[in-house]
Each structure stands twice: as C-alpha cells, then as structure tokens.
C-alpha cells in the first residue's frame, strides 16, 4: 500500500520523523478566519504539500477570492456537506483518501470545517470525540490539520471541547500550545463515562450462542423490514450486528443477547456480552494494519451512523445506530 500511515511513520527528505500538527482555528468573523486560513494554505503550496480544503461552498468561494485563481487551482476543495454525514464516515474517508491520494504526493495540509448545524447531542459528542481521535489515527503521519470553529455561532460546549482536543490553537500571529489539551484516551473515557439508557420495553429481544448466527441474521432482516429500514441499508446493518455477535462467540463469553428497536428516525441494536471487558479505548477507531488493530470493529463503525460502547464489570454493551430516513 502506497504512502505512510499510522502503521509506520514516514521519514521526510531531511530525515526527520513526520509529526502530526493538529490545530484549532477559533474565529469570530469571516475576516478573522481569512487572516489565518489564507496564509496557512499559501504556505502549503509553497512547501509543495497536498493542500485540501473541506468547507461549505460559500467559504470555499471566499477562500478562492483571497487566494487568487492560480493558487486556488492547485488546491483540492471538497464540499463539507458530503463529508459530514457522520463522524466515523468523515474519519475513515479522510484516512482512505490520505493513503490513496494525498500522502503519496507529500505532506497533507488540510483545512476543515464540517457542517455542525442540526446535530443531536449524541452527534455533537461523537464529533468532539472525532477531533480527539484525529490525534490517534493520524499520529506519525505527514499531516497538518487546521479545524475551524465559528465562535459567534457555535455553542460553548463545542468550543470548550475544541480547546481540549487540539494540541495547538491557530491565529494570525502563528500557533500556540493549547493549555487545556487533554490526552485522547482521557477525553474518550469522559465521553463514555455515563451508562447507556436501557432498551425500551418494546424492543425485540433475542439471545444467541455458537451455531445461532444464521437464525440471528434472519431475525435481524425481519426486524429491519418491520421497523422501516430501507432495503439498501438493511444488509450493512445486518453485517455490522453479525460482526459484533461473531466476536462475542469467538473472543468473548460465547453467548450474548441483543435488542432491536426504532427511535427518533434511527434503527438501534444493542448487543450485550456479559463475560467480556474491553481494555482498548480506541476499539474500531484505528485503521487495521501492521499494529493489529481490530478490523472487524473498524468495519462495524463504518457500516453504522454511530456506534457506542460501554464496558466494565457487568460485561460489554455495543449499541449500533443506522438512520432510517
């Protein structure tokens, strides 16, 4: 596979290890934004980086106007709406493109501002986790990421999280260390501190064990159809649940239980393993590779909108969500 990745840090022409640079740009106006973003992008082009901008079209237009036609033509602009369907979709898609297209051309310099409007509290929490995970997934790679935050439009909890998930804060006078930066493992542990609400009484329930996966899959197809999941989303949902159940039979306690229900436009499935305790805070968030990261859970997270896990003395609970509408 071409290009450096988290399984093996690359070495640049000067013989130095590649180090991830991850910055938060807090701005209160479009003028403030451009004062920092435009020099950042121009510096990338002068350095020969693969420069990528992931923003909404009006912001892209403002950046192109400031950069000039010649410089803007050398930069790849992506529509943030296409990359903001879910935090894991964005994380995995960015990593895929980096390995396939961007790192082979040199250092990646990314300016990103995902669409943050209309998110549920759960989605907001998972997007803040996404910012923390960037420090893990892109560690040891030739990558610079500047994430933009509109302080006039975003709620305080989002801005507070940004100050804790980015090692540096960007500004027109250059970067500064983020005094409140929190290690990703600690931040993710805080995200998972509270228990998940129990399944509702109307949830369909089924137990499973060795030899029971074919019947389990039939049950899942039936419930997905009954609860209104479109056909094109049913197979990914069944595959995701089947992977988790397979892991319980193979690596966990050998038997488990699951519940399926619909709520707020999502099909939700809880899978419980009463005998397994997870030690990996980043299970399924790191791309599979030479370090032996879990390929199954990486796939599960990509197949679902959001996957939540809780693990402790009572065992492990995996909650998978897919959108119905």
Foldseek 3Di string as FASTA:
>chain_A
DAFDFLVDFDADPVRDFAFEAFAEEEDADLVFVCLFVQVLLVVCVVVQAQEEEEEAVVNLVVSCVVNDVVSSVSHHYHHLAVLVLALLSNLVVVRVCCRPPGRNRPAYEYEHEHDDPPDDPLRLLVNLLSLLCCNVGHGSHRYYYYYYDHPNPDDPVSVVSNLQRHQWYQGSVGIDGRPNHDHSLVSLCVSQVDDDDDDDPPWDKDKDFPPCLVVVLVVQLVVCVVQQADPVLSVLVSLLVSLVQVCCCPPNDRMWMKTWDDDPQKIKMKIWGQGDFDDDSCQLVHDADPVGGDNSSVSSCNSARHWDWDGDNRGIMIMGIHGRD
